Amino acid sequence: MGMASCRDSSVSAVSRHAIALGIVWHMTHVVQVSLHLLSCNFIPRSFHLLSVLLVLSYMFMVYVISANLYVSSYLVTHTSEH
């Protein structure tokens, strides 16, 4: 029983790390695309501040989510060992 629960927690930790990495990769891709659109003047000047604020809020949200996943997976793996 104890080994099965340890194995389940390690699998969930690995999947959480994969989810966090996927979120961070997606965030960097969105930032790259938006910066490319800004540099090509595809977005009008009046929307520059709005798009920058949108990207920053998106980045902040994704960092909070990934940090939460990382901390929860860290706590799950280290509390199950003891």
C-alpha atoms as a PDB file:
ATOM      1  CA  MET A   1       0.000   0.000   0.000  1.00  0.00           C
ATOM      2  CA  GLY A   2       2.732   2.427   0.966  1.00  0.00           C
ATOM      3  CA  MET A   3       4.735   1.804  -2.190  1.00  0.00           C
ATOM      4  CA  ALA A   4       1.701   2.286  -4.409  1.00  0.00           C
ATOM      5  CA  SER A   5       0.870   5.637  -2.833  1.00  0.00           C
ATOM      6  CA  CYS A   6       4.491   6.761  -3.181  1.00  0.00           C
ATOM      7  CA  ARG A   7       4.502   5.745  -6.835  1.00  0.00           C
ATOM      8  CA  ASP A   8       1.203   7.580  -7.441  1.00  0.00           C
ATOM      9  CA  SER A   9       2.524  10.753  -5.841  1.00  0.00           C
ATOM     10  CA  SER A  10       5.700  10.644  -7.937  1.00  0.00           C
ATOM     11  CA  VAL A  11       3.656  10.168 -11.109  1.00  0.00           C
ATOM     12  CA  SER A  12       1.418  13.095 -10.210  1.00  0.00           C
ATOM     13  CA  ALA A  13       4.513  15.195  -9.470  1.00  0.00           C
ATOM     14  CA  VAL A  14       5.963  14.356 -12.880  1.00  0.00           C
ATOM     15  CA  SER A  15       2.691  15.206 -14.606  1.00  0.00           C
ATOM     16  CA  ARG A  16       2.497  18.493 -12.704  1.00  0.00           C
ATOM     17  CA  HIS A  17       6.029  19.361 -13.793  1.00  0.00           C
ATOM     18  CA  ALA A  18       5.078  18.553 -17.386  1.00  0.00           C
ATOM     19  CA  ILE A  19       1.974  20.744 -17.137  1.00  0.00           C
ATOM     20  CA  ALA A  20       4.002  23.608 -15.656  1.00  0.00           C
ATOM     21  CA  LEU A  21       6.632  23.323 -18.393  1.00  0.00           C
ATOM     22  CA  GLY A  22       3.932  23.269 -21.050  1.00  0.00           C
ATOM     23  CA  ILE A  23       2.314  26.379 -19.601  1.00  0.00           C
ATOM     24  CA  VAL A  24       5.636  28.225 -19.487  1.00  0.00           C
ATOM     25  CA  TRP A  25       6.456  27.185 -23.075  1.00  0.00           C
ATOM     26  CA  HIS A  26       3.035  28.369 -24.251  1.00  0.00           C
ATOM     27  CA  MET A  27       3.503  31.660 -22.408  1.00  0.00           C
ATOM     28  CA  THR A  28       6.887  32.320 -24.028  1.00  0.00           C
ATOM     29  CA  HIS A  29       5.420  31.511 -27.442  1.00  0.00           C
ATOM     30  CA  VAL A  30       2.550  33.960 -26.922  1.00  0.00           C
ATOM     31  CA  VAL A  31       4.998  36.648 -25.762  1.00  0.00           C
ATOM     32  CA  GLN A  32       7.218  36.083 -28.813  1.00  0.00           C
ATOM     33  CA  VAL A  33       4.268  36.331 -31.203  1.00  0.00           C
ATOM     34  CA  SER A  34       2.918  39.470 -29.554  1.00  0.00           C
ATOM     35  CA  LEU A  35       6.340  41.138 -29.552  1.00  0.00           C
ATOM     36  CA  HIS A  36       6.755  40.232 -33.218  1.00  0.00           C
ATOM     37  CA  LEU A  37       3.379  41.795 -34.035  1.00  0.00           C
ATOM     38  CA  LEU A  38       4.326  44.914 -32.075  1.00  0.00           C
ATOM     39  CA  SER A  39       7.683  45.214 -33.836  1.00  0.00           C
ATOM     40  CA  CYS A  40       6.071  44.823 -37.263  1.00  0.00           C
ATOM     41  CA  ASN A  41       3.572  47.619 -36.475  1.00  0.00           C
ATOM     42  CA  PHE A  42       0.768  45.166 -37.164  1.00  0.00           C
ATOM     43  CA  ILE A  43      -1.014  46.407 -34.048  1.00  0.00           C
ATOM     44  CA  PRO A  44      -1.887  50.131 -34.091  1.00  0.00           C
ATOM     45  CA  ARG A  45       0.006  52.412 -31.733  1.00  0.00           C
ATOM     46  CA  SER A  46      -3.039  53.029 -29.547  1.00  0.00           C
ATOM     47  CA  PHE A  47      -3.193  49.330 -28.701  1.00  0.00           C
ATOM     48  CA  HIS A  48       0.458  49.006 -27.722  1.00  0.00           C
ATOM     49  CA  LEU A  49      -0.064  49.792 -24.060  1.00  0.00           C
ATOM     50  CA  LEU A  50      -3.154  47.605 -23.902  1.00  0.00           C
ATOM     51  CA  SER A  51      -1.388  44.646 -25.496  1.00  0.00           C
ATOM     52  CA  VAL A  52       1.666  45.061 -23.261  1.00  0.00           C
ATOM     53  CA  LEU A  53      -0.569  45.115 -20.182  1.00  0.00           C
ATOM     54  CA  LEU A  54      -2.424  42.070 -21.471  1.00  0.00           C
ATOM     55  CA  VAL A  55       0.818  40.150 -22.028  1.00  0.00           C
ATOM     56  CA  LEU A  56       2.149  41.153 -18.600  1.00  0.00           C
ATOM     57  CA  SER A  57      -1.043  40.076 -16.853  1.00  0.00           C
ATOM     58  CA  TYR A  58      -0.995  36.795 -18.800  1.00  0.00           C
ATOM     59  CA  MET A  59       2.630  36.218 -17.810  1.00  0.00           C
ATOM     60  CA  PHE A  60       1.850  36.942 -14.167  1.00  0.00           C
ATOM     61  CA  MET A  61      -1.109  34.563 -14.189  1.00  0.00           C
ATOM     62  CA  VAL A  62       0.931  31.780 -15.783  1.00  0.00           C
ATOM     63  CA  TYR A  63       3.822  32.279 -13.363  1.00  0.00           C
ATOM     64  CA  VAL A  64       1.419  32.058 -10.415  1.00  0.00           C
ATOM     65  CA  ILE A  65      -0.155  28.881 -11.793  1.00  0.00           C
ATOM     66  CA  SER A  66       3.187  27.215 -12.552  1.00  0.00           C
ATOM     67  CA  ALA A  67       4.650  28.221  -9.195  1.00  0.00           C
ATOM     68  CA  ASN A  68       1.571  26.839  -7.465  1.00  0.00           C
ATOM     69  CA  LEU A  69       1.899  23.548  -9.341  1.00  0.00           C
ATOM     70  CA  TYR A  70       5.607  23.346  -8.577  1.00  0.00           C
ATOM     71  CA  VAL A  71       5.160  24.064  -4.866  1.00  0.00           C
ATOM     72  CA  SER A  72       2.263  21.631  -4.536  1.00  0.00           C
ATOM     73  CA  SER A  73       4.198  18.859  -6.328  1.00  0.00           C
ATOM     74  CA  TYR A  74       7.245  19.587  -4.146  1.00  0.00           C
ATOM     75  CA  LEU A  75       5.127  19.385  -0.995  1.00  0.00           C
ATOM     76  CA  VAL A  76       3.409  16.187  -2.148  1.00  0.00           C
ATOM     77  CA  THR A  77       6.672  14.405  -2.899  1.00  0.00           C
ATOM     78  CA  HIS A  78       8.473  15.535   0.258  1.00  0.00           C
ATOM     79  CA  THR A  79       5.613  14.987   2.687  1.00  0.00           C
ATOM     80  CA  SER A  80       4.950  11.481   1.335  1.00  0.00           C
ATOM     81  CA  GLU A  81       8.577  10.444   1.949  1.00  0.00           C
ATOM     82  CA  HIS A  82       8.375  11.094   5.697  1.00  0.00           C
END
